């Protein structure tokens, strides 16, 4: 069965077509995919499943174009070696930075010019030229509104679903659209966060049957749902803990240690660190230690469990256990 593999290059969206592949959903499919893709040229990085990206950083447009062209040529050679083809029409190139809107990158696949774009969706996150993530907020807001409209069909005054079920439906079906990958793009302007906050308030008011002029803060207290700003801080703290549990040599730890900001423009890792300052101070003098605990006889189905021990060294008599979900 012919199986299309979608690839995002920055240079993005390179599609490879193989003649002899397993169908989607088979048990051998993921293993065979890993075996087939493990030797992709090292210049194609980062890689996430079948999404491939080539990145070049520099101050000279010509140098950037040459490096991206070399990465494309290496990928083309690899694909031809394994009887695959690159589709230039599904491949995109994008240039990030200030004063880059008028700059052109000349990158080709088999003589076909790769289209240069000013915005693109990569791994579910909308990217623009300046990485302001305003497009991502609009995209998340649109997805959340559509999901909320579907949930609202279940409400029929007092004859609809129970309030507690409605709250769980919001947390399960609507809120994930609002907070998807939010540690990456959460450093947007306050007015953008307010858009998401208004969507949350509208959904919660529908859920509890509150009037449109009801207090937003009261509705959030009644439903037990954090405001969007506090929720972003909570998610950033969770990501910060996961980062701290990585090995010092891990690439994310290295990037975290070297991250920076310019005025109020944050890199994602710097934003995570900034949002987690209070947690970092609370953990000062403590040693983070991961622990996996599984009680086999009580497990009826596969469960992923992860817990974190905070071992204090400042006259702490008891061990505090914090579970990350």
C-alpha atoms as a PDB file:
ATOM      1  CA  UNK A   1       0.000   0.000   0.000  1.00  0.00           C
ATOM      2  CA  UNK A   2       1.358   3.398  -0.931  1.00  0.00           C
ATOM      3  CA  UNK A   3       1.902   5.437   2.227  1.00  0.00           C
ATOM      4  CA  UNK A   4       2.514   9.199   2.190  1.00  0.00           C
ATOM      5  CA  UNK A   5       4.829  10.585   4.845  1.00  0.00           C
ATOM      6  CA  UNK A   6       4.262  14.249   5.623  1.00  0.00           C
ATOM      7  CA  UNK A   7       7.426  16.273   6.357  1.00  0.00           C
ATOM      8  CA  UNK A   8       7.800  19.825   7.565  1.00  0.00           C
ATOM      9  CA  UNK A   9      10.959  21.560   6.537  1.00  0.00           C
ATOM     10  CA  UNK A  10      11.711  25.167   7.066  1.00  0.00           C
ATOM     11  CA  UNK A  11      11.848  24.222   4.201  1.00  0.00           C
ATOM     12  CA  UNK A  12       8.614  22.610   5.419  1.00  0.00           C
ATOM     13  CA  UNK A  13       6.120  19.972   4.343  1.00  0.00           C
ATOM     14  CA  UNK A  14       8.382  17.686   2.323  1.00  0.00           C
ATOM     15  CA  UNK A  15       6.318  14.682   1.318  1.00  0.00           C
ATOM     16  CA  UNK A  16       8.011  11.358   0.685  1.00  0.00           C
ATOM     17  CA  UNK A  17       6.275   8.505  -1.082  1.00  0.00           C
ATOM     18  CA  UNK A  18       7.268   4.878  -0.642  1.00  0.00           C
ATOM     19  CA  UNK A  19       6.016   1.980  -2.752  1.00  0.00           C
ATOM     20  CA  UNK A  20       6.343  -0.856  -0.230  1.00  0.00           C
ATOM     21  CA  UNK A  21       5.156   0.315   3.193  1.00  0.00           C
ATOM     22  CA  UNK A  22       2.888  -1.119   5.853  1.00  0.00           C
ATOM     23  CA  UNK A  23      -0.608   0.306   6.162  1.00  0.00           C
ATOM     24  CA  UNK A  24      -1.397   2.799   8.898  1.00  0.00           C
ATOM     25  CA  UNK A  25      -2.301   1.339  12.297  1.00  0.00           C
ATOM     26  CA  UNK A  26      -0.338  -1.899  12.133  1.00  0.00           C
ATOM     27  CA  UNK A  27       1.841  -2.982  15.056  1.00  0.00           C
ATOM     28  CA  UNK A  28       4.954  -3.145  12.899  1.00  0.00           C
ATOM     29  CA  UNK A  29       4.285   0.261  11.358  1.00  0.00           C
ATOM     30  CA  UNK A  30       6.024   2.458  14.010  1.00  0.00           C
ATOM     31  CA  UNK A  31       9.034   0.140  14.263  1.00  0.00           C
ATOM     32  CA  UNK A  32       9.492  -0.066  10.506  1.00  0.00           C
ATOM     33  CA  UNK A  33       9.087   3.701  10.234  1.00  0.00           C
ATOM     34  CA  UNK A  34      11.872   4.280  12.790  1.00  0.00           C
ATOM     35  CA  UNK A  35      14.120   1.805  10.993  1.00  0.00           C
ATOM     36  CA  UNK A  36      13.420   3.494   7.682  1.00  0.00           C
ATOM     37  CA  UNK A  37      13.973   7.054   8.895  1.00  0.00           C
ATOM     38  CA  UNK A  38      16.848   6.704  11.374  1.00  0.00           C
ATOM     39  CA  UNK A  39      19.544   7.596   8.840  1.00  0.00           C
ATOM     40  CA  UNK A  40      18.027  10.839   7.555  1.00  0.00           C
ATOM     41  CA  UNK A  41      20.908  13.322   6.956  1.00  0.00           C
ATOM     42  CA  UNK A  42      22.081  15.014  10.155  1.00  0.00           C
ATOM     43  CA  UNK A  43      21.496  18.437   8.616  1.00  0.00           C
ATOM     44  CA  UNK A  44      17.754  17.711   8.872  1.00  0.00           C
ATOM     45  CA  UNK A  45      17.149  18.715  12.468  1.00  0.00           C
ATOM     46  CA  UNK A  46      14.941  18.908  14.521  1.00  0.00           C
ATOM     47  CA  UNK A  47      12.953  15.786  13.730  1.00  0.00           C
ATOM     48  CA  UNK A  48       9.643  14.817  15.303  1.00  0.00           C
ATOM     49  CA  UNK A  49       8.138  11.601  13.962  1.00  0.00           C
ATOM     50  CA  UNK A  50       7.635  12.312  10.252  1.00  0.00           C
ATOM     51  CA  UNK A  51       7.999  16.102  10.565  1.00  0.00           C
ATOM     52  CA  UNK A  52      11.463  17.111   9.366  1.00  0.00           C
ATOM     53  CA  UNK A  53      12.985  20.580   9.555  1.00  0.00           C
ATOM     54  CA  UNK A  54      16.217  22.095   8.275  1.00  0.00           C
ATOM     55  CA  UNK A  55      17.335  25.243  10.109  1.00  0.00           C
ATOM     56  CA  UNK A  56      19.993  27.785   9.217  1.00  0.00           C
ATOM     57  CA  UNK A  57      20.938  30.750  11.413  1.00  0.00           C
ATOM     58  CA  UNK A  58      22.969  33.719  10.244  1.00  0.00           C
ATOM     59  CA  UNK A  59      23.049  37.354   9.216  1.00  0.00           C
ATOM     60  CA  UNK A  60      23.691  36.798   5.509  1.00  0.00           C
ATOM     61  CA  UNK A  61      20.691  35.815   3.369  1.00  0.00           C
ATOM     62  CA  UNK A  62      22.895  34.232   0.694  1.00  0.00           C
ATOM     63  CA  UNK A  63      24.683  32.074   3.267  1.00  0.00           C
ATOM     64  CA  UNK A  64      21.370  30.949   4.748  1.00  0.00           C
ATOM     65  CA  UNK A  65      20.047  30.052   1.309  1.00  0.00           C
ATOM     66  CA  UNK A  66      23.204  28.044   0.526  1.00  0.00           C
ATOM     67  CA  UNK A  67      22.938  26.062   3.756  1.00  0.00           C
ATOM     68  CA  UNK A  68      19.242  25.315   3.201  1.00  0.00           C
ATOM     69  CA  UNK A  69      19.957  24.321  -0.390  1.00  0.00           C
ATOM     70  CA  UNK A  70      22.680  21.948   0.801  1.00  0.00           C
ATOM     71  CA  UNK A  71      20.293  20.406   3.333  1.00  0.00           C
ATOM     72  CA  UNK A  72      17.681  19.978   0.605  1.00  0.00           C
ATOM     73  CA  UNK A  73      20.198  18.365  -1.729  1.00  0.00           C
ATOM     74  CA  UNK A  74      21.314  15.951   1.020  1.00  0.00           C
ATOM     75  CA  UNK A  75      17.705  14.986   1.719  1.00  0.00           C
ATOM     76  CA  UNK A  76      17.046  14.565  -2.000  1.00  0.00           C
ATOM     77  CA  UNK A  77      20.052  12.268  -2.329  1.00  0.00           C
ATOM     78  CA  UNK A  78      18.852  10.241   0.670  1.00  0.00           C
ATOM     79  CA  UNK A  79      15.325   9.922  -0.732  1.00  0.00           C
ATOM     80  CA  UNK A  80      16.585   8.797  -4.128  1.00  0.00           C
ATOM     81  CA  UNK A  81      18.802   6.212  -2.470  1.00  0.00           C
ATOM     82  CA  UNK A  82      15.729   4.670  -0.832  1.00  0.00           C
ATOM     83  CA  UNK A  83      13.460   5.030  -3.890  1.00  0.00           C
ATOM     84  CA  UNK A  84      11.448   7.937  -2.550  1.00  0.00           C
ATOM     85  CA  UNK A  85      10.594  11.285  -4.111  1.00  0.00           C
ATOM     86  CA  UNK A  86      10.321  14.821  -2.758  1.00  0.00           C
ATOM     87  CA  UNK A  87       7.306  16.918  -3.660  1.00  0.00           C
ATOM     88  CA  UNK A  88       8.420  20.518  -4.134  1.00  0.00           C
ATOM     89  CA  UNK A  89       4.827  21.802  -4.143  1.00  0.00           C
ATOM     90  CA  UNK A  90       4.344  20.532  -0.575  1.00  0.00           C
ATOM     91  CA  UNK A  91       7.627  22.009   0.643  1.00  0.00           C
ATOM     92  CA  UNK A  92       7.873  25.511   2.106  1.00  0.00           C
ATOM     93  CA  UNK A  93      10.701  27.819   3.133  1.00  0.00           C
ATOM     94  CA  UNK A  94      10.359  30.602   5.690  1.00  0.00           C
ATOM     95  CA  UNK A  95      12.674  33.353   6.906  1.00  0.00           C
ATOM     96  CA  UNK A  96      12.369  34.583  10.499  1.00  0.00           C
ATOM     97  CA  UNK A  97      13.610  37.893  11.877  1.00  0.00           C
ATOM     98  CA  UNK A  98      13.160  41.643  11.672  1.00  0.00           C
ATOM     99  CA  UNK A  99      13.119  43.321   8.258  1.00  0.00           C
ATOM    100  CA  UNK A 100      12.920  39.974   6.458  1.00  0.00           C
ATOM    101  CA  UNK A 101       9.528  40.345   4.788  1.00  0.00           C
ATOM    102  CA  UNK A 102      11.051  41.598   1.535  1.00  0.00           C
ATOM    103  CA  UNK A 103      13.996  39.164   1.561  1.00  0.00           C
ATOM    104  CA  UNK A 104      13.850  36.217  -0.820  1.00  0.00           C
ATOM    105  CA  UNK A 105      15.379  32.766  -0.409  1.00  0.00           C
ATOM    106  CA  UNK A 106      16.286  30.853  -3.551  1.00  0.00           C
ATOM    107  CA  UNK A 107      15.982  27.161  -2.636  1.00  0.00           C
ATOM    108  CA  UNK A 108      15.067  24.483  -5.172  1.00  0.00           C
ATOM    109  CA  UNK A 109      14.203  20.788  -5.373  1.00  0.00           C
ATOM    110  CA  UNK A 110      15.088  19.167  -8.692  1.00  0.00           C
ATOM    111  CA  UNK A 111      15.032  22.600 -10.314  1.00  0.00           C
ATOM    112  CA  UNK A 112      11.603  23.464  -8.872  1.00  0.00           C
ATOM    113  CA  UNK A 113      11.476  26.613  -6.763  1.00  0.00           C
ATOM    114  CA  UNK A 114      10.350  26.090  -3.172  1.00  0.00           C
ATOM    115  CA  UNK A 115       7.583  28.509  -2.205  1.00  0.00           C
ATOM    116  CA  UNK A 116       8.498  31.069   0.449  1.00  0.00           C
ATOM    117  CA  UNK A 117       5.740  31.769   2.991  1.00  0.00           C
ATOM    118  CA  UNK A 118       5.196  34.316   5.761  1.00  0.00           C
ATOM    119  CA  UNK A 119       3.308  31.990   8.101  1.00  0.00           C
ATOM    120  CA  UNK A 120       3.115  28.261   8.656  1.00  0.00           C
ATOM    121  CA  UNK A 121       1.774  25.712  11.120  1.00  0.00           C
ATOM    122  CA  UNK A 122       4.434  23.428  12.606  1.00  0.00           C
ATOM    123  CA  UNK A 123       3.447  20.682  15.034  1.00  0.00           C
ATOM    124  CA  UNK A 124       0.139  22.426  15.660  1.00  0.00           C
ATOM    125  CA  UNK A 125       1.643  25.872  16.396  1.00  0.00           C
ATOM    126  CA  UNK A 126       1.237  28.822  14.025  1.00  0.00           C
ATOM    127  CA  UNK A 127       4.537  30.590  13.298  1.00  0.00           C
ATOM    128  CA  UNK A 128       4.935  34.054  11.779  1.00  0.00           C
ATOM    129  CA  UNK A 129       7.975  36.007  10.614  1.00  0.00           C
ATOM    130  CA  UNK A 130       8.602  37.678  13.974  1.00  0.00           C
ATOM    131  CA  UNK A 131       7.544  34.774  16.231  1.00  0.00           C
ATOM    132  CA  UNK A 132       4.993  37.020  17.938  1.00  0.00           C
ATOM    133  CA  UNK A 133       2.525  34.089  18.080  1.00  0.00           C
ATOM    134  CA  UNK A 134      -0.469  36.372  17.558  1.00  0.00           C
ATOM    135  CA  UNK A 135      -1.559  33.987  14.802  1.00  0.00           C
ATOM    136  CA  UNK A 136      -1.369  31.087  17.244  1.00  0.00           C
ATOM    137  CA  UNK A 137      -3.707  32.870  19.666  1.00  0.00           C
ATOM    138  CA  UNK A 138      -6.247  33.462  16.882  1.00  0.00           C
ATOM    139  CA  UNK A 139      -5.912  29.845  15.769  1.00  0.00           C
ATOM    140  CA  UNK A 140      -6.341  28.515  19.320  1.00  0.00           C
ATOM    141  CA  UNK A 141      -9.323  30.813  19.884  1.00  0.00           C
ATOM    142  CA  UNK A 142     -10.997  29.589  16.710  1.00  0.00           C
ATOM    143  CA  UNK A 143     -10.480  25.940  17.581  1.00  0.00           C
ATOM    144  CA  UNK A 144     -11.772  26.484  21.128  1.00  0.00           C
ATOM    145  CA  UNK A 145     -14.894  28.280  19.866  1.00  0.00           C
ATOM    146  CA  UNK A 146     -15.727  25.447  17.499  1.00  0.00           C
ATOM    147  CA  UNK A 147     -15.259  22.868  20.228  1.00  0.00           C
ATOM    148  CA  UNK A 148     -17.347  24.956  22.660  1.00  0.00           C
ATOM    149  CA  UNK A 149     -20.175  25.203  20.112  1.00  0.00           C
ATOM    150  CA  UNK A 150     -20.328  21.415  19.880  1.00  0.00           C
ATOM    151  CA  UNK A 151     -20.385  21.045  23.665  1.00  0.00           C
ATOM    152  CA  UNK A 152     -23.084  23.737  23.952  1.00  0.00           C
ATOM    153  CA  UNK A 153     -25.477  21.519  21.992  1.00  0.00           C
ATOM    154  CA  UNK A 154     -25.639  19.282  25.050  1.00  0.00           C
ATOM    155  CA  UNK A 155     -26.995  22.125  27.176  1.00  0.00           C
ATOM    156  CA  UNK A 156     -30.762  22.510  27.211  1.00  0.00           C
ATOM    157  CA  UNK A 157     -31.499  24.706  30.192  1.00  0.00           C
ATOM    158  CA  UNK A 158     -32.017  22.514  33.235  1.00  0.00           C
ATOM    159  CA  UNK A 159     -32.725  19.493  31.052  1.00  0.00           C
ATOM    160  CA  UNK A 160     -29.163  19.224  29.739  1.00  0.00           C
ATOM    161  CA  UNK A 161     -26.103  17.571  31.235  1.00  0.00           C
ATOM    162  CA  UNK A 162     -25.194  18.166  34.861  1.00  0.00           C
ATOM    163  CA  UNK A 163     -22.991  21.147  35.675  1.00  0.00           C
ATOM    164  CA  UNK A 164     -20.102  18.992  36.884  1.00  0.00           C
ATOM    165  CA  UNK A 165     -20.187  16.982  33.673  1.00  0.00           C
ATOM    166  CA  UNK A 166     -20.246  20.229  31.682  1.00  0.00           C
ATOM    167  CA  UNK A 167     -17.156  21.457  33.535  1.00  0.00           C
ATOM    168  CA  UNK A 168     -15.352  18.199  32.773  1.00  0.00           C
ATOM    169  CA  UNK A 169     -16.379  18.489  29.123  1.00  0.00           C
ATOM    170  CA  UNK A 170     -14.887  21.981  29.024  1.00  0.00           C
ATOM    171  CA  UNK A 171     -11.632  20.786  30.582  1.00  0.00           C
ATOM    172  CA  UNK A 172     -11.471  17.795  28.251  1.00  0.00           C
ATOM    173  CA  UNK A 173     -12.700  19.143  24.915  1.00  0.00           C
ATOM    174  CA  UNK A 174     -12.302  22.937  24.932  1.00  0.00           C
ATOM    175  CA  UNK A 175      -9.429  23.949  27.211  1.00  0.00           C
ATOM    176  CA  UNK A 176      -6.835  21.709  25.477  1.00  0.00           C
ATOM    177  CA  UNK A 177      -7.223  23.886  22.356  1.00  0.00           C
ATOM    178  CA  UNK A 178      -6.545  27.024  24.406  1.00  0.00           C
ATOM    179  CA  UNK A 179      -3.453  25.734  26.183  1.00  0.00           C
ATOM    180  CA  UNK A 180      -1.871  23.530  23.518  1.00  0.00           C
ATOM    181  CA  UNK A 181       1.911  24.123  23.610  1.00  0.00           C
ATOM    182  CA  UNK A 182       1.279  27.279  25.651  1.00  0.00           C
ATOM    183  CA  UNK A 183       4.739  27.278  27.314  1.00  0.00           C
ATOM    184  CA  UNK A 184       6.104  27.947  23.823  1.00  0.00           C
ATOM    185  CA  UNK A 185       3.870  30.882  22.905  1.00  0.00           C
ATOM    186  CA  UNK A 186       2.556  32.059  26.284  1.00  0.00           C
ATOM    187  CA  UNK A 187       4.676  35.227  26.247  1.00  0.00           C
ATOM    188  CA  UNK A 188       2.162  36.990  24.000  1.00  0.00           C
ATOM    189  CA  UNK A 189       0.662  40.384  24.793  1.00  0.00           C
ATOM    190  CA  UNK A 190      -1.973  40.710  27.506  1.00  0.00           C
ATOM    191  CA  UNK A 191      -4.642  41.602  24.966  1.00  0.00           C
ATOM    192  CA  UNK A 192      -4.073  38.246  23.257  1.00  0.00           C
ATOM    193  CA  UNK A 193      -4.404  36.371  26.549  1.00  0.00           C
ATOM    194  CA  UNK A 194      -7.627  38.299  27.186  1.00  0.00           C
ATOM    195  CA  UNK A 195      -9.107  36.801  23.992  1.00  0.00           C
ATOM    196  CA  UNK A 196      -8.622  33.318  25.412  1.00  0.00           C
ATOM    197  CA  UNK A 197      -9.884  34.406  28.824  1.00  0.00           C
ATOM    198  CA  UNK A 198     -13.135  35.677  27.292  1.00  0.00           C
ATOM    199  CA  UNK A 199     -13.689  32.382  25.492  1.00  0.00           C
ATOM    200  CA  UNK A 200     -13.181  30.495  28.750  1.00  0.00           C
ATOM    201  CA  UNK A 201     -15.632  32.749  30.607  1.00  0.00           C
ATOM    202  CA  UNK A 202     -18.287  32.354  27.905  1.00  0.00           C
ATOM    203  CA  UNK A 203     -17.988  28.567  28.024  1.00  0.00           C
ATOM    204  CA  UNK A 204     -18.160  28.427  31.821  1.00  0.00           C
ATOM    205  CA  UNK A 205     -21.177  30.756  31.962  1.00  0.00           C
ATOM    206  CA  UNK A 206     -22.985  28.516  29.483  1.00  0.00           C
ATOM    207  CA  UNK A 207     -22.042  25.503  31.562  1.00  0.00           C
ATOM    208  CA  UNK A 208     -23.430  26.800  34.860  1.00  0.00           C
ATOM    209  CA  UNK A 209     -26.314  28.703  33.253  1.00  0.00           C
ATOM    210  CA  UNK A 210     -25.092  32.103  34.484  1.00  0.00           C
ATOM    211  CA  UNK A 211     -26.286  35.380  33.022  1.00  0.00           C
ATOM    212  CA  UNK A 212     -24.021  37.256  30.625  1.00  0.00           C
ATOM    213  CA  UNK A 213     -23.506  40.025  33.198  1.00  0.00           C
ATOM    214  CA  UNK A 214     -22.496  37.614  35.979  1.00  0.00           C
ATOM    215  CA  UNK A 215     -19.112  38.063  37.635  1.00  0.00           C
ATOM    216  CA  UNK A 216     -16.395  36.300  35.675  1.00  0.00           C
ATOM    217  CA  UNK A 217     -14.294  35.726  38.798  1.00  0.00           C
ATOM    218  CA  UNK A 218     -17.275  34.219  40.621  1.00  0.00           C
ATOM    219  CA  UNK A 219     -17.961  31.813  37.756  1.00  0.00           C
ATOM    220  CA  UNK A 220     -14.325  30.635  37.766  1.00  0.00           C
ATOM    221  CA  UNK A 221     -14.437  30.117  41.547  1.00  0.00           C
ATOM    222  CA  UNK A 222     -17.696  28.150  41.343  1.00  0.00           C
ATOM    223  CA  UNK A 223     -16.409  25.917  38.563  1.00  0.00           C
ATOM    224  CA  UNK A 224     -12.931  25.540  40.054  1.00  0.00           C
ATOM    225  CA  UNK A 225     -11.229  26.628  36.822  1.00  0.00           C
ATOM    226  CA  UNK A 226      -8.122  28.800  36.975  1.00  0.00           C
ATOM    227  CA  UNK A 227      -7.942  32.028  34.958  1.00  0.00           C
ATOM    228  CA  UNK A 228      -5.953  31.613  31.756  1.00  0.00           C
ATOM    229  CA  UNK A 229      -2.966  33.593  33.086  1.00  0.00           C
ATOM    230  CA  UNK A 230      -2.649  31.419  36.187  1.00  0.00           C
ATOM    231  CA  UNK A 231      -3.153  28.282  34.121  1.00  0.00           C
ATOM    232  CA  UNK A 232      -0.281  29.330  31.859  1.00  0.00           C
ATOM    233  CA  UNK A 233       1.930  29.832  34.912  1.00  0.00           C
ATOM    234  CA  UNK A 234       0.981  26.388  36.217  1.00  0.00           C
ATOM    235  CA  UNK A 235       1.803  24.691  32.915  1.00  0.00           C
ATOM    236  CA  UNK A 236       5.121  26.540  32.705  1.00  0.00           C
ATOM    237  CA  UNK A 237       6.013  25.345  36.207  1.00  0.00           C
ATOM    238  CA  UNK A 238       5.314  21.764  35.158  1.00  0.00           C
ATOM    239  CA  UNK A 239       7.544  22.147  32.130  1.00  0.00           C
ATOM    240  CA  UNK A 240      10.232  23.699  34.318  1.00  0.00           C
ATOM    241  CA  UNK A 241      10.206  20.651  36.598  1.00  0.00           C
ATOM    242  CA  UNK A 242      10.488  18.333  33.602  1.00  0.00           C
ATOM    243  CA  UNK A 243      13.447  20.358  32.345  1.00  0.00           C
ATOM    244  CA  UNK A 244      15.182  20.184  35.726  1.00  0.00           C
ATOM    245  CA  UNK A 245      14.846  16.396  35.710  1.00  0.00           C
ATOM    246  CA  UNK A 246      16.741  16.125  32.428  1.00  0.00           C
ATOM    247  CA  UNK A 247      20.440  15.388  32.326  1.00  0.00           C
ATOM    248  CA  UNK A 248      22.723  18.445  32.369  1.00  0.00           C
ATOM    249  CA  UNK A 249      24.030  17.518  28.919  1.00  0.00           C
ATOM    250  CA  UNK A 250      20.553  17.309  27.387  1.00  0.00           C
ATOM    251  CA  UNK A 251      20.065  19.800  24.564  1.00  0.00           C
ATOM    252  CA  UNK A 252      17.019  21.349  26.244  1.00  0.00           C
ATOM    253  CA  UNK A 253      18.983  21.938  29.463  1.00  0.00           C
ATOM    254  CA  UNK A 254      21.791  23.550  27.478  1.00  0.00           C
ATOM    255  CA  UNK A 255      19.333  25.787  25.630  1.00  0.00           C
ATOM    256  CA  UNK A 256      17.612  26.642  28.907  1.00  0.00           C
ATOM    257  CA  UNK A 257      20.895  27.734  30.478  1.00  0.00           C
ATOM    258  CA  UNK A 258      21.736  29.941  27.490  1.00  0.00           C
ATOM    259  CA  UNK A 259      18.252  31.353  26.877  1.00  0.00           C
ATOM    260  CA  UNK A 260      17.703  35.106  26.964  1.00  0.00           C
ATOM    261  CA  UNK A 261      15.202  37.859  26.347  1.00  0.00           C
ATOM    262  CA  UNK A 262      15.210  41.279  24.692  1.00  0.00           C
ATOM    263  CA  UNK A 263      13.029  43.767  26.594  1.00  0.00           C
ATOM    264  CA  UNK A 264       9.672  41.966  26.865  1.00  0.00           C
ATOM    265  CA  UNK A 265      10.371  39.516  24.047  1.00  0.00           C
ATOM    266  CA  UNK A 266      11.128  36.095  25.507  1.00  0.00           C
ATOM    267  CA  UNK A 267      12.470  32.930  24.028  1.00  0.00           C
ATOM    268  CA  UNK A 268      10.187  30.010  25.039  1.00  0.00           C
ATOM    269  CA  UNK A 269      12.652  28.549  27.545  1.00  0.00           C
ATOM    270  CA  UNK A 270      13.339  31.946  29.073  1.00  0.00           C
ATOM    271  CA  UNK A 271       9.594  32.471  29.453  1.00  0.00           C
ATOM    272  CA  UNK A 272       9.300  29.119  31.238  1.00  0.00           C
ATOM    273  CA  UNK A 273      12.097  30.116  33.610  1.00  0.00           C
ATOM    274  CA  UNK A 274      10.522  33.509  34.263  1.00  0.00           C
ATOM    275  CA  UNK A 275       7.113  31.997  35.025  1.00  0.00           C
ATOM    276  CA  UNK A 276       8.753  29.478  37.371  1.00  0.00           C
ATOM    277  CA  UNK A 277      10.851  31.916  39.451  1.00  0.00           C
ATOM    278  CA  UNK A 278       8.673  31.456  42.528  1.00  0.00           C
ATOM    279  CA  UNK A 279       8.817  27.671  42.223  1.00  0.00           C
ATOM    280  CA  UNK A 280      12.583  27.815  41.703  1.00  0.00           C
ATOM    281  CA  UNK A 281      13.022  29.814  44.909  1.00  0.00           C
ATOM    282  CA  UNK A 282      10.807  27.347  46.799  1.00  0.00           C
ATOM    283  CA  UNK A 283      12.960  24.457  45.566  1.00  0.00           C
ATOM    284  CA  UNK A 284      16.223  26.142  46.530  1.00  0.00           C
ATOM    285  CA  UNK A 285      18.271  23.668  48.544  1.00  0.00           C
ATOM    286  CA  UNK A 286      16.184  20.695  47.416  1.00  0.00           C
ATOM    287  CA  UNK A 287      17.241  17.814  45.208  1.00  0.00           C
ATOM    288  CA  UNK A 288      14.866  16.728  42.464  1.00  0.00           C
ATOM    289  CA  UNK A 289      14.631  13.000  42.060  1.00  0.00           C
ATOM    290  CA  UNK A 290      12.262  11.188  39.665  1.00  0.00           C
ATOM    291  CA  UNK A 291      10.518   8.075  40.867  1.00  0.00           C
ATOM    292  CA  UNK A 292       8.238   5.663  39.022  1.00  0.00           C
ATOM    293  CA  UNK A 293       5.848   3.677  41.209  1.00  0.00           C
ATOM    294  CA  UNK A 294       3.591   0.994  39.723  1.00  0.00           C
ATOM    295  CA  UNK A 295       1.537  -1.479  41.738  1.00  0.00           C
ATOM    296  CA  UNK A 296       1.216  -4.299  39.192  1.00  0.00           C
ATOM    297  CA  UNK A 297      -1.595  -6.356  40.802  1.00  0.00           C
ATOM    298  CA  UNK A 298      -3.935  -3.325  40.857  1.00  0.00           C
ATOM    299  CA  UNK A 299      -3.448  -2.334  37.227  1.00  0.00           C
ATOM    300  CA  UNK A 300      -6.164  -3.553  34.875  1.00  0.00           C
ATOM    301  CA  UNK A 301      -4.908  -1.614  31.870  1.00  0.00           C
ATOM    302  CA  UNK A 302      -1.620   0.082  30.865  1.00  0.00           C
ATOM    303  CA  UNK A 303      -1.115   3.276  32.873  1.00  0.00           C
ATOM    304  CA  UNK A 304       1.613   5.889  32.559  1.00  0.00           C
ATOM    305  CA  UNK A 305       2.574   7.051  36.030  1.00  0.00           C
ATOM    306  CA  UNK A 306       5.166   9.633  36.947  1.00  0.00           C
ATOM    307  CA  UNK A 307       5.868  11.135  40.338  1.00  0.00           C
ATOM    308  CA  UNK A 308       8.487  13.544  41.620  1.00  0.00           C
ATOM    309  CA  UNK A 309      10.176  13.484  45.011  1.00  0.00           C
ATOM    310  CA  UNK A 310      11.389  16.770  46.442  1.00  0.00           C
ATOM    311  CA  UNK A 311      14.177  15.977  48.874  1.00  0.00           C
ATOM    312  CA  UNK A 312      14.906  19.002  51.044  1.00  0.00           C
ATOM    313  CA  UNK A 313      18.107  19.650  52.949  1.00  0.00           C
ATOM    314  CA  UNK A 314      16.973  22.535  55.132  1.00  0.00           C
ATOM    315  CA  UNK A 315      15.701  20.767  58.259  1.00  0.00           C
ATOM    316  CA  UNK A 316      12.921  19.125  56.291  1.00  0.00           C
ATOM    317  CA  UNK A 317      11.686  16.135  58.256  1.00  0.00           C
ATOM    318  CA  UNK A 318       9.115  14.776  55.813  1.00  0.00           C
ATOM    319  CA  UNK A 319       9.380  13.967  52.149  1.00  0.00           C
ATOM    320  CA  UNK A 320       7.006  15.865  49.906  1.00  0.00           C
ATOM    321  CA  UNK A 321       5.673  14.064  46.858  1.00  0.00           C
ATOM    322  CA  UNK A 322       4.305  16.025  43.942  1.00  0.00           C
ATOM    323  CA  UNK A 323       2.572  14.220  41.096  1.00  0.00           C
ATOM    324  CA  UNK A 324       2.878  15.620  37.588  1.00  0.00           C
ATOM    325  CA  UNK A 325      -0.039  14.855  35.324  1.00  0.00           C
END
